[in-house]
């Protein structure tokens, strides 16, 4: 099933793949040797996580403010509306997406009060 894929790193180590199918549904599959789990609500397992757990996780790492989400989307080449972290991603935005993922891992996205404080 064609769609979009994003390799997920946690603390600099690859742990799995986040996918979005052509209908916009997400799934997350841990790598076989993932050193850690992404979330307590999504323990490691061999099959993919789909539905509410993965949508809640994606939504939870993004700021609540819709304007902030749009700004992030514009800056990093992703859709800032809703929880679709992979929508509108293109190869030219790859490095920016890596930076965004790192900022999320560091907890800076949820904690920042002003976009400029972590876009620099």
PDB file of N, CA and C in Angstrom:
ATOM      1  N   UNK A   1       0.847  -1.168   0.000  1.00  0.00           N
ATOM      2  CA  UNK A   1       0.000   0.000   0.000  1.00  0.00           C
ATOM      3  C   UNK A   1       0.898   1.238   0.000  1.00  0.00           C
ATOM      4  N   UNK A   2       0.836   2.043  -1.092  1.00  0.00           N
ATOM      5  CA  UNK A   2       1.685   3.223  -1.155  1.00  0.00           C
ATOM      6  C   UNK A   2       1.320   4.238  -0.084  1.00  0.00           C
ATOM      7  N   UNK A   3       2.280   4.980   0.326  1.00  0.00           N
ATOM      8  CA  UNK A   3       2.069   5.995   1.344  1.00  0.00           C
ATOM      9  C   UNK A   3       3.381   6.673   1.656  1.00  0.00           C
ATOM     10  N   UNK A   4       3.466   7.224   2.837  1.00  0.00           N
ATOM     11  CA  UNK A   4       4.663   7.948   3.262  1.00  0.00           C
ATOM     12  C   UNK A   4       5.258   7.269   4.487  1.00  0.00           C
ATOM     13  N   UNK A   5       6.572   7.324   4.580  1.00  0.00           N
ATOM     14  CA  UNK A   5       7.273   6.706   5.707  1.00  0.00           C
ATOM     15  C   UNK A   5       8.205   7.722   6.342  1.00  0.00           C
ATOM     16  N   UNK A   6       8.340   7.621   7.645  1.00  0.00           N
ATOM     17  CA  UNK A   6       9.258   8.468   8.393  1.00  0.00           C
ATOM     18  C   UNK A   6       9.990   7.576   9.383  1.00  0.00           C
ATOM     19  N   UNK A   7      11.308   7.544   9.309  1.00  0.00           N
ATOM     20  CA  UNK A   7      12.099   6.764  10.260  1.00  0.00           C
ATOM     21  C   UNK A   7      12.119   7.525  11.579  1.00  0.00           C
ATOM     22  N   UNK A   8      11.839   6.829  12.678  1.00  0.00           N
ATOM     23  CA  UNK A   8      11.732   7.462  13.994  1.00  0.00           C
ATOM     24  C   UNK A   8      12.956   7.119  14.834  1.00  0.00           C
ATOM     25  N   UNK A   9      13.552   8.169  15.395  1.00  0.00           N
ATOM     26  CA  UNK A   9      14.707   8.030  16.283  1.00  0.00           C
ATOM     27  C   UNK A   9      14.319   8.503  17.673  1.00  0.00           C
ATOM     28  N   UNK A  10      14.835   7.844  18.677  1.00  0.00           N
ATOM     29  CA  UNK A  10      14.645   8.257  20.060  1.00  0.00           C
ATOM     30  C   UNK A  10      16.028   8.348  20.686  1.00  0.00           C
ATOM     31  N   UNK A  11      16.379   9.521  21.174  1.00  0.00           N
ATOM     32  CA  UNK A  11      17.704   9.769  21.747  1.00  0.00           C
ATOM     33  C   UNK A  11      18.814   9.333  20.793  1.00  0.00           C
ATOM     34  N   UNK A  12      18.620   9.642  19.509  1.00  0.00           N
ATOM     35  CA  UNK A  12      19.632   9.363  18.505  1.00  0.00           C
ATOM     36  C   UNK A  12      19.679   7.940  17.993  1.00  0.00           C
ATOM     37  N   UNK A  13      18.815   7.053  18.490  1.00  0.00           N
ATOM     38  CA  UNK A  13      18.818   5.663  18.047  1.00  0.00           C
ATOM     39  C   UNK A  13      17.516   5.351  17.323  1.00  0.00           C
ATOM     40  N   UNK A  14      17.646   4.704  16.168  1.00  0.00           N
ATOM     41  CA  UNK A  14      16.479   4.331  15.388  1.00  0.00           C
ATOM     42  C   UNK A  14      15.652   3.315  16.167  1.00  0.00           C
ATOM     43  N   UNK A  15      14.329   3.581  16.243  1.00  0.00           N
ATOM     44  CA  UNK A  15      13.469   2.635  16.957  1.00  0.00           C
ATOM     45  C   UNK A  15      12.324   2.097  16.115  1.00  0.00           C
ATOM     46  N   UNK A  16      12.024   2.724  14.977  1.00  0.00           N
ATOM     47  CA  UNK A  16      10.936   2.208  14.171  1.00  0.00           C
ATOM     48  C   UNK A  16      10.582   3.095  12.997  1.00  0.00           C
ATOM     49  N   UNK A  17       9.423   2.784  12.395  1.00  0.00           N
ATOM     50  CA  UNK A  17       8.951   3.519  11.225  1.00  0.00           C
ATOM     51  C   UNK A  17       7.506   3.946  11.441  1.00  0.00           C
ATOM     52  N   UNK A  18       7.261   5.232  11.230  1.00  0.00           N
ATOM     53  CA  UNK A  18       5.917   5.789  11.241  1.00  0.00           C
ATOM     54  C   UNK A  18       5.470   5.862   9.794  1.00  0.00           C
ATOM     55  N   UNK A  19       4.281   5.331   9.502  1.00  0.00           N
ATOM     56  CA  UNK A  19       3.776   5.329   8.135  1.00  0.00           C
ATOM     57  C   UNK A  19       2.422   6.005   8.070  1.00  0.00           C
ATOM     58  N   UNK A  20       2.154   6.590   6.905  1.00  0.00           N
ATOM     59  CA  UNK A  20       0.841   7.162   6.632  1.00  0.00           C
ATOM     60  C   UNK A  20       0.394   6.588   5.302  1.00  0.00           C
ATOM     61  N   UNK A  21      -0.773   5.924   5.272  1.00  0.00           N
ATOM     62  CA  UNK A  21      -1.246   5.365   4.014  1.00  0.00           C
ATOM     63  C   UNK A  21      -1.937   6.457   3.191  1.00  0.00           C
ATOM     64  N   UNK A  22      -2.401   6.103   2.003  1.00  0.00           N
ATOM     65  CA  UNK A  22      -2.978   7.110   1.111  1.00  0.00           C
ATOM     66  C   UNK A  22      -4.275   7.707   1.642  1.00  0.00           C
ATOM     67  N   UNK A  23      -4.908   7.049   2.600  1.00  0.00           N
ATOM     68  CA  UNK A  23      -6.133   7.599   3.198  1.00  0.00           C
ATOM     69  C   UNK A  23      -5.832   8.486   4.405  1.00  0.00           C
ATOM     70  N   UNK A  24      -4.542   8.596   4.794  1.00  0.00           N
ATOM     71  CA  UNK A  24      -4.162   9.447   5.919  1.00  0.00           C
ATOM     72  C   UNK A  24      -4.082   8.723   7.253  1.00  0.00           C
ATOM     73  N   UNK A  25      -4.289   7.403   7.255  1.00  0.00           N
ATOM     74  CA  UNK A  25      -4.203   6.637   8.504  1.00  0.00           C
ATOM     75  C   UNK A  25      -2.740   6.325   8.812  1.00  0.00           C
ATOM     76  N   UNK A  26      -2.431   6.362  10.114  1.00  0.00           N
ATOM     77  CA  UNK A  26      -1.053   6.163  10.563  1.00  0.00           C
ATOM     78  C   UNK A  26      -0.848   4.796  11.203  1.00  0.00           C
ATOM     79  N   UNK A  27       0.392   4.332  11.114  1.00  0.00           N
ATOM     80  CA  UNK A  27       0.804   3.137  11.848  1.00  0.00           C
ATOM     81  C   UNK A  27       2.252   3.339  12.270  1.00  0.00           C
ATOM     82  N   UNK A  28       2.610   2.688  13.354  1.00  0.00           N
ATOM     83  CA  UNK A  28       3.991   2.726  13.823  1.00  0.00           C
ATOM     84  C   UNK A  28       4.428   1.304  14.092  1.00  0.00           C
ATOM     85  N   UNK A  29       5.579   0.934  13.529  1.00  0.00           N
ATOM     86  CA  UNK A  29       6.136  -0.401  13.722  1.00  0.00           C
ATOM     87  C   UNK A  29       7.533  -0.267  14.319  1.00  0.00           C
ATOM     88  N   UNK A  30       7.737  -0.931  15.453  1.00  0.00           N
ATOM     89  CA  UNK A  30       9.059  -0.934  16.083  1.00  0.00           C
ATOM     90  C   UNK A  30      10.032  -1.758  15.258  1.00  0.00           C
ATOM     91  N   UNK A  31      11.296  -1.317  15.207  1.00  0.00           N
ATOM     92  CA  UNK A  31      12.354  -2.144  14.645  1.00  0.00           C
ATOM     93  C   UNK A  31      12.533  -3.353  15.560  1.00  0.00           C
ATOM     94  N   UNK A  32      12.971  -4.468  15.001  1.00  0.00           N
ATOM     95  CA  UNK A  32      13.156  -5.697  15.775  1.00  0.00           C
ATOM     96  C   UNK A  32      14.081  -5.472  16.968  1.00  0.00           C
ATOM     97  N   UNK A  33      15.125  -4.707  16.772  1.00  0.00           N
ATOM     98  CA  UNK A  33      16.106  -4.473  17.835  1.00  0.00           C
ATOM     99  C   UNK A  33      15.974  -3.092  18.463  1.00  0.00           C
ATOM    100  N   UNK A  34      14.787  -2.544  18.483  1.00  0.00           N
ATOM    101  CA  UNK A  34      14.587  -1.211  19.065  1.00  0.00           C
ATOM    102  C   UNK A  34      15.064  -1.210  20.516  1.00  0.00           C
ATOM    103  N   UNK A  35      15.946  -0.267  20.882  1.00  0.00           N
ATOM    104  CA  UNK A  35      16.497  -0.251  22.235  1.00  0.00           C
ATOM    105  C   UNK A  35      15.527   0.260  23.295  1.00  0.00           C
ATOM    106  N   UNK A  36      14.466   0.915  22.864  1.00  0.00           N
ATOM    107  CA  UNK A  36      13.507   1.480  23.819  1.00  0.00           C
ATOM    108  C   UNK A  36      12.144   1.575  23.157  1.00  0.00           C
ATOM    109  N   UNK A  37      11.140   1.820  23.974  1.00  0.00           N
ATOM    110  CA  UNK A  37       9.807   2.008  23.398  1.00  0.00           C
ATOM    111  C   UNK A  37       9.520   3.495  23.266  1.00  0.00           C
ATOM    112  N   UNK A  38       8.672   3.828  22.314  1.00  0.00           N
ATOM    113  CA  UNK A  38       8.334   5.214  22.035  1.00  0.00           C
ATOM    114  C   UNK A  38       7.468   5.810  23.125  1.00  0.00           C
ATOM    115  N   UNK A  39       6.581   5.003  23.683  1.00  0.00           N
ATOM    116  CA  UNK A  39       5.627   5.485  24.676  1.00  0.00           C
ATOM    117  C   UNK A  39       5.207   4.333  25.585  1.00  0.00           C
ATOM    118  N   UNK A  40       4.903   4.651  26.827  1.00  0.00           N
ATOM    119  CA  UNK A  40       4.395   3.610  27.738  1.00  0.00           C
ATOM    120  C   UNK A  40       3.075   3.044  27.246  1.00  0.00           C
ATOM    121  N   UNK A  41       2.302   3.864  26.532  1.00  0.00           N
ATOM    122  CA  UNK A  41       1.013   3.397  26.021  1.00  0.00           C
ATOM    123  C   UNK A  41       1.164   2.566  24.751  1.00  0.00           C
ATOM    124  N   UNK A  42       2.397   2.469  24.225  1.00  0.00           N
ATOM    125  CA  UNK A  42       2.663   1.666  23.034  1.00  0.00           C
ATOM    126  C   UNK A  42       3.912   0.819  23.258  1.00  0.00           C
ATOM    127  N   UNK A  43       3.807  -0.217  24.102  1.00  0.00           N
ATOM    128  CA  UNK A  43       4.984  -1.061  24.358  1.00  0.00           C
ATOM    129  C   UNK A  43       5.464  -1.753  23.080  1.00  0.00           C
ATOM    130  N   UNK A  44       6.733  -2.156  23.095  1.00  0.00           N
ATOM    131  CA  UNK A  44       7.284  -2.851  21.931  1.00  0.00           C
ATOM    132  C   UNK A  44       6.504  -4.128  21.666  1.00  0.00           C
ATOM    133  N   UNK A  45       6.280  -4.359  20.384  1.00  0.00           N
ATOM    134  CA  UNK A  45       5.649  -5.604  19.927  1.00  0.00           C
ATOM    135  C   UNK A  45       6.009  -5.791  18.462  1.00  0.00           C
ATOM    136  N   UNK A  46       5.768  -6.993  17.951  1.00  0.00           N
ATOM    137  CA  UNK A  46       6.180  -7.278  16.573  1.00  0.00           C
ATOM    138  C   UNK A  46       5.242  -6.660  15.542  1.00  0.00           C
ATOM    139  N   UNK A  47       3.963  -6.544  15.865  1.00  0.00           N
ATOM    140  CA  UNK A  47       3.004  -5.974  14.924  1.00  0.00           C
ATOM    141  C   UNK A  47       2.933  -4.463  15.016  1.00  0.00           C
ATOM    142  N   UNK A  48       2.368  -3.826  13.994  1.00  0.00           N
ATOM    143  CA  UNK A  48       2.277  -2.363  14.008  1.00  0.00           C
ATOM    144  C   UNK A  48       1.209  -1.846  14.970  1.00  0.00           C
ATOM    145  N   UNK A  49       1.436  -0.644  15.480  1.00  0.00           N
ATOM    146  CA  UNK A  49       0.438   0.075  16.258  1.00  0.00           C
ATOM    147  C   UNK A  49      -0.375   0.913  15.282  1.00  0.00           C
ATOM    148  N   UNK A  50      -1.700   0.859  15.406  1.00  0.00           N
ATOM    149  CA  UNK A  50      -2.585   1.636  14.541  1.00  0.00           C
ATOM    150  C   UNK A  50      -3.700   2.238  15.389  1.00  0.00           C
ATOM    151  N   UNK A  51      -4.483   3.092  14.782  1.00  0.00           N
ATOM    152  CA  UNK A  51      -5.667   3.628  15.453  1.00  0.00           C
ATOM    153  C   UNK A  51      -5.363   4.638  16.538  1.00  0.00           C
ATOM    154  N   UNK A  52      -6.179   4.604  17.586  1.00  0.00           N
ATOM    155  CA  UNK A  52      -6.122   5.617  18.647  1.00  0.00           C
ATOM    156  C   UNK A  52      -4.758   5.771  19.317  1.00  0.00           C
ATOM    157  N   UNK A  53      -4.045   4.693  19.657  1.00  0.00           N
ATOM    158  CA  UNK A  53      -2.756   4.892  20.344  1.00  0.00           C
ATOM    159  C   UNK A  53      -1.765   5.733  19.539  1.00  0.00           C
ATOM    160  N   UNK A  54      -1.632   5.453  18.243  1.00  0.00           N
ATOM    161  CA  UNK A  54      -0.651   6.194  17.451  1.00  0.00           C
ATOM    162  C   UNK A  54      -1.135   7.608  17.165  1.00  0.00           C
ATOM    163  N   UNK A  55      -2.419   7.793  16.915  1.00  0.00           N
ATOM    164  CA  UNK A  55      -2.943   9.146  16.673  1.00  0.00           C
ATOM    165  C   UNK A  55      -2.790  10.006  17.928  1.00  0.00           C
ATOM    166  N   UNK A  56      -3.055   9.422  19.085  1.00  0.00           N
ATOM    167  CA  UNK A  56      -2.912  10.169  20.344  1.00  0.00           C
ATOM    168  C   UNK A  56      -1.450  10.538  20.581  1.00  0.00           C
ATOM    169  N   UNK A  57      -0.534   9.633  20.246  1.00  0.00           N
ATOM    170  CA  UNK A  57       0.887   9.930  20.435  1.00  0.00           C
ATOM    171  C   UNK A  57       1.316  11.084  19.536  1.00  0.00           C
ATOM    172  N   UNK A  58       0.965  11.013  18.255  1.00  0.00           N
ATOM    173  CA  UNK A  58       1.337  12.083  17.322  1.00  0.00           C
ATOM    174  C   UNK A  58       0.768  13.413  17.802  1.00  0.00           C
ATOM    175  N   UNK A  59      -0.498  13.404  18.189  1.00  0.00           N
ATOM    176  CA  UNK A  59      -1.139  14.632  18.660  1.00  0.00           C
ATOM    177  C   UNK A  59      -0.473  15.143  19.935  1.00  0.00           C
ATOM    178  N   UNK A  60      -0.042  14.229  20.789  1.00  0.00           N
ATOM    179  CA  UNK A  60       0.544  14.608  22.072  1.00  0.00           C
ATOM    180  C   UNK A  60       1.911  15.257  21.989  1.00  0.00           C
ATOM    181  N   UNK A  61       2.671  14.980  20.920  1.00  0.00           N
ATOM    182  CA  UNK A  61       3.999  15.588  20.813  1.00  0.00           C
ATOM    183  C   UNK A  61       3.962  16.954  20.137  1.00  0.00           C
ATOM    184  N   UNK A  62       2.817  17.302  19.590  1.00  0.00           N
ATOM    185  CA  UNK A  62       2.683  18.606  18.942  1.00  0.00           C
ATOM    186  C   UNK A  62       2.088  19.621  19.903  1.00  0.00           C
ATOM    187  N   UNK A  63       2.413  20.898  19.741  1.00  0.00           N
ATOM    188  CA  UNK A  63       1.823  21.932  20.603  1.00  0.00           C
ATOM    189  C   UNK A  63       0.308  21.994  20.414  1.00  0.00           C
ATOM    190  N   UNK A  64      -0.418  22.398  21.442  1.00  0.00           N
ATOM    191  CA  UNK A  64      -1.875  22.494  21.367  1.00  0.00           C
ATOM    192  C   UNK A  64      -2.343  23.666  20.509  1.00  0.00           C
ATOM    193  N   UNK A  65      -1.592  24.740  20.480  1.00  0.00           N
ATOM    194  CA  UNK A  65      -1.975  25.961  19.778  1.00  0.00           C
ATOM    195  C   UNK A  65      -1.993  25.742  18.260  1.00  0.00           C
ATOM    196  N   UNK A  66      -3.174  25.909  17.601  1.00  0.00           N
ATOM    197  CA  UNK A  66      -3.265  25.699  16.151  1.00  0.00           C
ATOM    198  C   UNK A  66      -2.327  26.608  15.348  1.00  0.00           C
ATOM    199  N   UNK A  67      -2.146  27.841  15.804  1.00  0.00           N
ATOM    200  CA  UNK A  67      -1.244  28.762  15.103  1.00  0.00           C
ATOM    201  C   UNK A  67       0.198  28.243  15.159  1.00  0.00           C
ATOM    202  N   UNK A  68       0.587  27.716  16.315  1.00  0.00           N
ATOM    203  CA  UNK A  68       1.928  27.142  16.471  1.00  0.00           C
ATOM    204  C   UNK A  68       2.093  25.947  15.528  1.00  0.00           C
ATOM    205  N   UNK A  69       1.064  25.106  15.419  1.00  0.00           N
ATOM    206  CA  UNK A  69       1.134  23.949  14.517  1.00  0.00           C
ATOM    207  C   UNK A  69       1.301  24.399  13.066  1.00  0.00           C
ATOM    208  N   UNK A  70       0.561  25.429  12.665  1.00  0.00           N
ATOM    209  CA  UNK A  70       0.690  25.935  11.296  1.00  0.00           C
ATOM    210  C   UNK A  70       2.097  26.490  11.058  1.00  0.00           C
ATOM    211  N   UNK A  71       2.631  27.186  12.039  1.00  0.00           N
ATOM    212  CA  UNK A  71       3.981  27.743  11.917  1.00  0.00           C
ATOM    213  C   UNK A  71       5.008  26.623  11.790  1.00  0.00           C
ATOM    214  N   UNK A  72       4.871  25.590  12.602  1.00  0.00           N
ATOM    215  CA  UNK A  72       5.765  24.432  12.517  1.00  0.00           C
ATOM    216  C   UNK A  72       5.645  23.791  11.143  1.00  0.00           C
ATOM    217  N   UNK A  73       4.413  23.600  10.676  1.00  0.00           N
ATOM    218  CA  UNK A  73       4.194  23.002   9.364  1.00  0.00           C
ATOM    219  C   UNK A  73       4.868  23.783   8.255  1.00  0.00           C
ATOM    220  N   UNK A  74       4.719  25.092   8.297  1.00  0.00           N
ATOM    221  CA  UNK A  74       5.331  25.941   7.274  1.00  0.00           C
ATOM    222  C   UNK A  74       6.854  25.873   7.340  1.00  0.00           C
ATOM    223  N   UNK A  75       7.400  25.948   8.533  1.00  0.00           N
ATOM    224  CA  UNK A  75       8.856  25.946   8.705  1.00  0.00           C
ATOM    225  C   UNK A  75       9.488  24.615   8.297  1.00  0.00           C
ATOM    226  N   UNK A  76       8.822  23.494   8.611  1.00  0.00           N
ATOM    227  CA  UNK A  76       9.425  22.178   8.407  1.00  0.00           C
ATOM    228  C   UNK A  76       8.879  21.413   7.212  1.00  0.00           C
ATOM    229  N   UNK A  77       8.019  22.031   6.420  1.00  0.00           N
ATOM    230  CA  UNK A  77       7.538  21.378   5.212  1.00  0.00           C
ATOM    231  C   UNK A  77       6.570  20.246   5.465  1.00  0.00           C
ATOM    232  N   UNK A  78       5.785  20.340   6.542  1.00  0.00           N
ATOM    233  CA  UNK A  78       4.747  19.354   6.830  1.00  0.00           C
ATOM    234  C   UNK A  78       3.429  20.076   7.043  1.00  0.00           C
ATOM    235  N   UNK A  79       2.334  19.332   7.026  1.00  0.00           N
ATOM    236  CA  UNK A  79       1.026  19.924   7.253  1.00  0.00           C
ATOM    237  C   UNK A  79       0.892  20.290   8.719  1.00  0.00           C
ATOM    238  N   UNK A  80       0.662  21.553   9.014  1.00  0.00           N
ATOM    239  CA  UNK A  80       0.521  22.006  10.392  1.00  0.00           C
ATOM    240  C   UNK A  80      -0.876  21.855  10.939  1.00  0.00           C
ATOM    241  N   UNK A  81      -1.809  21.361  10.127  1.00  0.00           N
ATOM    242  CA  UNK A  81      -3.191  21.188  10.575  1.00  0.00           C
ATOM    243  C   UNK A  81      -3.390  19.755  11.045  1.00  0.00           C
ATOM    244  N   UNK A  82      -4.102  19.556  12.109  1.00  0.00           N
ATOM    245  CA  UNK A  82      -4.401  18.217  12.593  1.00  0.00           C
ATOM    246  C   UNK A  82      -3.162  17.480  13.057  1.00  0.00           C
ATOM    247  N   UNK A  83      -3.231  16.154  12.983  1.00  0.00           N
ATOM    248  CA  UNK A  83      -2.133  15.337  13.501  1.00  0.00           C
ATOM    249  C   UNK A  83      -1.317  14.680  12.403  1.00  0.00           C
ATOM    250  N   UNK A  84      -1.561  15.039  11.151  1.00  0.00           N
ATOM    251  CA  UNK A  84      -0.883  14.369  10.055  1.00  0.00           C
ATOM    252  C   UNK A  84       0.562  14.828   9.938  1.00  0.00           C
ATOM    253  N   UNK A  85       1.440  14.179  10.660  1.00  0.00           N
ATOM    254  CA  UNK A  85       2.845  14.580  10.711  1.00  0.00           C
ATOM    255  C   UNK A  85       3.567  14.360   9.389  1.00  0.00           C
ATOM    256  N   UNK A  86       3.036  13.504   8.543  1.00  0.00           N
ATOM    257  CA  UNK A  86       3.741  13.169   7.314  1.00  0.00           C
ATOM    258  C   UNK A  86       3.184  13.867   6.084  1.00  0.00           C
ATOM    259  N   UNK A  87       2.036  14.489   6.175  1.00  0.00           N
ATOM    260  CA  UNK A  87       1.400  15.081   5.013  1.00  0.00           C
ATOM    261  C   UNK A  87       2.261  16.199   4.440  1.00  0.00           C
ATOM    262  N   UNK A  88       2.347  16.230   3.140  1.00  0.00           N
ATOM    263  CA  UNK A  88       3.097  17.249   2.406  1.00  0.00           C
ATOM    264  C   UNK A  88       4.605  17.184   2.623  1.00  0.00           C
ATOM    265  N   UNK A  89       5.128  16.092   3.172  1.00  0.00           N
ATOM    266  CA  UNK A  89       6.579  15.974   3.313  1.00  0.00           C
ATOM    267  C   UNK A  89       7.193  15.750   1.934  1.00  0.00           C
ATOM    268  N   UNK A  90       8.318  16.342   1.688  1.00  0.00           N
ATOM    269  CA  UNK A  90       9.027  16.102   0.441  1.00  0.00           C
ATOM    270  C   UNK A  90      10.510  15.940   0.756  1.00  0.00           C
ATOM    271  N   UNK A  91      11.248  15.436  -0.226  1.00  0.00           N
ATOM    272  CA  UNK A  91      12.665  15.145   0.011  1.00  0.00           C
ATOM    273  C   UNK A  91      13.465  16.377   0.391  1.00  0.00           C
ATOM    274  N   UNK A  92      13.095  17.536  -0.147  1.00  0.00           N
ATOM    275  CA  UNK A  92      13.861  18.742   0.167  1.00  0.00           C
ATOM    276  C   UNK A  92      13.702  19.155   1.622  1.00  0.00           C
ATOM    277  N   UNK A  93      12.665  18.662   2.287  1.00  0.00           N
ATOM    278  CA  UNK A  93      12.426  19.010   3.692  1.00  0.00           C
ATOM    279  C   UNK A  93      12.997  17.969   4.654  1.00  0.00           C
ATOM    280  N   UNK A  94      13.738  16.983   4.140  1.00  0.00           N
ATOM    281  CA  UNK A  94      14.227  15.892   4.983  1.00  0.00           C
ATOM    282  C   UNK A  94      15.049  16.391   6.164  1.00  0.00           C
ATOM    283  N   UNK A  95      15.999  17.273   5.925  1.00  0.00           N
ATOM    284  CA  UNK A  95      16.846  17.752   7.015  1.00  0.00           C
ATOM    285  C   UNK A  95      16.023  18.514   8.044  1.00  0.00           C
ATOM    286  N   UNK A  96      15.061  19.317   7.588  1.00  0.00           N
ATOM    287  CA  UNK A  96      14.201  20.049   8.517  1.00  0.00           C
ATOM    288  C   UNK A  96      13.359  19.100   9.360  1.00  0.00           C
ATOM    289  N   UNK A  97      12.885  18.010   8.771  1.00  0.00           N
ATOM    290  CA  UNK A  97      12.098  17.039   9.540  1.00  0.00           C
ATOM    291  C   UNK A  97      12.974  16.380  10.603  1.00  0.00           C
ATOM    292  N   UNK A  98      14.243  16.104  10.266  1.00  0.00           N
ATOM    293  CA  UNK A  98      15.152  15.521  11.255  1.00  0.00           C
ATOM    294  C   UNK A  98      15.337  16.476  12.431  1.00  0.00           C
ATOM    295  N   UNK A  99      15.472  17.757  12.122  1.00  0.00           N
ATOM    296  CA  UNK A  99      15.624  18.756  13.183  1.00  0.00           C
ATOM    297  C   UNK A  99      14.367  18.802  14.035  1.00  0.00           C
ATOM    298  N   UNK A 100      13.190  18.788  13.402  1.00  0.00           N
ATOM    299  CA  UNK A 100      11.929  18.818  14.145  1.00  0.00           C
ATOM    300  C   UNK A 100      11.816  17.608  15.060  1.00  0.00           C
ATOM    301  N   UNK A 101      12.142  16.422  14.557  1.00  0.00           N
ATOM    302  CA  UNK A 101      12.072  15.214  15.379  1.00  0.00           C
ATOM    303  C   UNK A 101      13.010  15.346  16.578  1.00  0.00           C
ATOM    304  N   UNK A 102      14.215  15.869  16.343  1.00  0.00           N
ATOM    305  CA  UNK A 102      15.161  16.048  17.447  1.00  0.00           C
ATOM    306  C   UNK A 102      14.597  17.012  18.476  1.00  0.00           C
ATOM    307  N   UNK A 103      13.969  18.102  18.032  1.00  0.00           N
ATOM    308  CA  UNK A 103      13.392  19.074  18.958  1.00  0.00           C
ATOM    309  C   UNK A 103      12.269  18.425  19.767  1.00  0.00           C
ATOM    310  N   UNK A 104      11.460  17.577  19.117  1.00  0.00           N
ATOM    311  CA  UNK A 104      10.392  16.879  19.834  1.00  0.00           C
ATOM    312  C   UNK A 104      10.999  15.955  20.885  1.00  0.00           C
ATOM    313  N   UNK A 105      12.050  15.195  20.508  1.00  0.00           N
ATOM    314  CA  UNK A 105      12.702  14.288  21.455  1.00  0.00           C
ATOM    315  C   UNK A 105      13.238  15.042  22.663  1.00  0.00           C
ATOM    316  N   UNK A 106      13.756  16.226  22.431  1.00  0.00           N
ATOM    317  CA  UNK A 106      14.332  17.009  23.516  1.00  0.00           C
ATOM    318  C   UNK A 106      13.259  17.672  24.376  1.00  0.00           C
ATOM    319  N   UNK A 107      12.005  17.559  23.971  1.00  0.00           N
ATOM    320  CA  UNK A 107      10.920  18.153  24.736  1.00  0.00           C
ATOM    321  C   UNK A 107      10.752  19.638  24.503  1.00  0.00           C
ATOM    322  N   UNK A 108      11.459  20.183  23.524  1.00  0.00           N
ATOM    323  CA  UNK A 108      11.415  21.623  23.307  1.00  0.00           C
ATOM    324  C   UNK A 108      10.128  22.072  22.631  1.00  0.00           C
ATOM    325  N   UNK A 109       9.531  21.219  21.810  1.00  0.00           N
ATOM    326  CA  UNK A 109       8.327  21.620  21.088  1.00  0.00           C
ATOM    327  C   UNK A 109       7.188  21.895  22.049  1.00  0.00           C
ATOM    328  N   UNK A 110       6.969  21.026  23.017  1.00  0.00           N
ATOM    329  CA  UNK A 110       5.857  21.209  23.950  1.00  0.00           C
ATOM    330  C   UNK A 110       6.138  22.319  24.956  1.00  0.00           C
ATOM    331  N   UNK A 111       7.393  22.594  25.254  1.00  0.00           N
ATOM    332  CA  UNK A 111       7.725  23.543  26.302  1.00  0.00           C
ATOM    333  C   UNK A 111       7.859  24.972  25.811  1.00  0.00           C
ATOM    334  N   UNK A 112       8.092  25.169  24.509  1.00  0.00           N
ATOM    335  CA  UNK A 112       8.389  26.517  24.041  1.00  0.00           C
ATOM    336  C   UNK A 112       7.157  27.411  24.107  1.00  0.00           C
ATOM    337  N   UNK A 113       7.375  28.661  24.449  1.00  0.00           N
ATOM    338  CA  UNK A 113       6.308  29.654  24.484  1.00  0.00           C
ATOM    339  C   UNK A 113       6.305  30.461  23.196  1.00  0.00           C
ATOM    340  N   UNK A 114       7.465  30.582  22.572  1.00  0.00           N
ATOM    341  CA  UNK A 114       7.590  31.324  21.331  1.00  0.00           C
ATOM    342  C   UNK A 114       8.333  30.452  20.332  1.00  0.00           C
ATOM    343  N   UNK A 115       7.855  30.466  19.092  1.00  0.00           N
ATOM    344  CA  UNK A 115       8.469  29.642  18.059  1.00  0.00           C
ATOM    345  C   UNK A 115       9.950  29.962  17.915  1.00  0.00           C
ATOM    346  N   UNK A 116      10.305  31.246  17.974  1.00  0.00           N
ATOM    347  CA  UNK A 116      11.692  31.643  17.763  1.00  0.00           C
ATOM    348  C   UNK A 116      12.644  31.013  18.773  1.00  0.00           C
ATOM    349  N   UNK A 117      12.143  30.639  19.934  1.00  0.00           N
ATOM    350  CA  UNK A 117      13.019  30.100  20.972  1.00  0.00           C
ATOM    351  C   UNK A 117      13.608  28.748  20.597  1.00  0.00           C
ATOM    352  N   UNK A 118      13.006  28.027  19.662  1.00  0.00           N
ATOM    353  CA  UNK A 118      13.580  26.741  19.286  1.00  0.00           C
ATOM    354  C   UNK A 118      13.804  26.586  17.796  1.00  0.00           C
ATOM    355  N   UNK A 119      13.368  27.563  16.978  1.00  0.00           N
ATOM    356  CA  UNK A 119      13.659  27.488  15.552  1.00  0.00           C
ATOM    357  C   UNK A 119      15.091  27.907  15.252  1.00  0.00           C
ATOM    358  N   UNK A 120      15.705  28.638  16.157  1.00  0.00           N
ATOM    359  CA  UNK A 120      17.057  29.154  15.911  1.00  0.00           C
ATOM    360  C   UNK A 120      18.079  28.040  15.871  1.00  0.00           C
TER     361      UNK A 120
END
